[in-house]
Protein backbone atom coordinates (compact mmCIF):
# COMPACT_ATOMS: atom_id res chain seq x y z
CA UNK A 1 0.01 0.00 0.02
CA UNK A 2 1.29 3.43 -0.97
CA UNK A 3 1.49 6.27 1.60
CA UNK A 4 -0.45 9.48 0.96
CA UNK A 5 1.55 12.66 0.50
CA UNK A 6 0.39 13.81 3.99
CA UNK A 7 1.66 10.59 5.56
CA UNK A 8 5.03 10.88 3.77
CA UNK A 9 5.33 14.55 4.86
CA UNK A 10 4.80 13.47 8.46
CA UNK A 11 7.13 10.49 8.18
CA UNK A 12 10.03 12.43 6.71
CA UNK A 13 9.52 15.88 8.34
CA UNK A 14 12.74 15.69 10.32
CA UNK A 15 14.92 14.57 7.35
CA UNK A 16 17.19 17.13 5.66
CA UNK A 17 15.77 18.45 2.41
CA UNK A 18 16.68 20.76 -0.49
CA UNK A 19 14.39 22.69 -2.87
CA UNK A 20 15.32 23.28 -6.59
CA UNK A 21 13.41 25.05 -9.34
CA UNK A 22 13.68 23.80 -12.90
CA UNK A 23 12.05 24.86 -16.14
CA UNK A 24 11.03 21.88 -18.30
CA UNK A 25 9.43 22.66 -21.72
CA UNK A 26 8.52 26.13 -20.49
CA UNK A 27 6.87 24.78 -17.28
CA UNK A 28 8.33 25.83 -13.95
CA UNK A 29 8.78 22.78 -11.69
CA UNK A 30 9.66 22.94 -7.99
CA UNK A 31 11.33 19.76 -6.74
CA UNK A 32 11.72 19.18 -2.99
CA UNK A 33 14.33 16.50 -2.31
CA UNK A 34 14.16 14.77 1.09
CA UNK A 35 17.33 12.88 1.92
CA UNK A 36 15.91 9.63 3.39
CA UNK A 37 18.03 6.96 1.80
CA UNK A 38 20.87 6.17 -0.40
CA UNK A 39 19.49 6.71 -3.93
CA UNK A 40 21.67 8.81 -6.24
CA UNK A 41 19.54 11.68 -7.59
CA UNK A 42 21.67 11.67 -10.78
CA UNK A 43 20.67 8.03 -11.49
CA UNK A 44 16.96 8.83 -10.74
CA UNK A 45 16.89 11.83 -13.05
CA UNK A 46 18.71 9.93 -15.80
CA UNK A 47 16.22 7.08 -15.57
CA UNK A 48 13.37 9.65 -15.72
CA UNK A 49 14.94 11.45 -18.77
CA UNK A 50 15.45 8.11 -20.61
CA UNK A 51 11.88 6.98 -19.89
CA UNK A 52 10.51 10.31 -21.07
CA UNK A 53 12.56 10.35 -24.24
CA UNK A 54 11.53 6.80 -25.08
CA UNK A 55 7.94 7.58 -24.47
CA UNK A 56 8.12 10.67 -26.75
CA UNK A 57 9.95 8.72 -29.46
CA UNK A 58 7.29 5.93 -29.44
CA UNK A 59 4.50 8.44 -29.56
CA UNK A 60 6.02 10.19 -32.57
CA UNK A 61 7.07 7.08 -34.50
CA UNK A 62 3.57 5.80 -35.50
CA UNK A 63 2.45 9.20 -36.87
CA UNK A 64 5.79 9.75 -38.67
CA UNK A 65 5.37 6.32 -40.40
CA UNK A 66 1.93 7.09 -41.64
CA UNK A 67 2.78 10.55 -43.04
């Protein structure tokens, strides 16, 4: 079972955190990082970027092939 955002906020309220602001495709995104474990944020962001790129390529490919 997944925790709600409120439950996670309570669970990790005493953990150190950092806030960054990014602009992605013209949309301002605020990312709050809570340091609760040993994941490398670079690995997480790289996986996200790869998944997004693959998703975008697969969405474009069918229409490009029919044009």
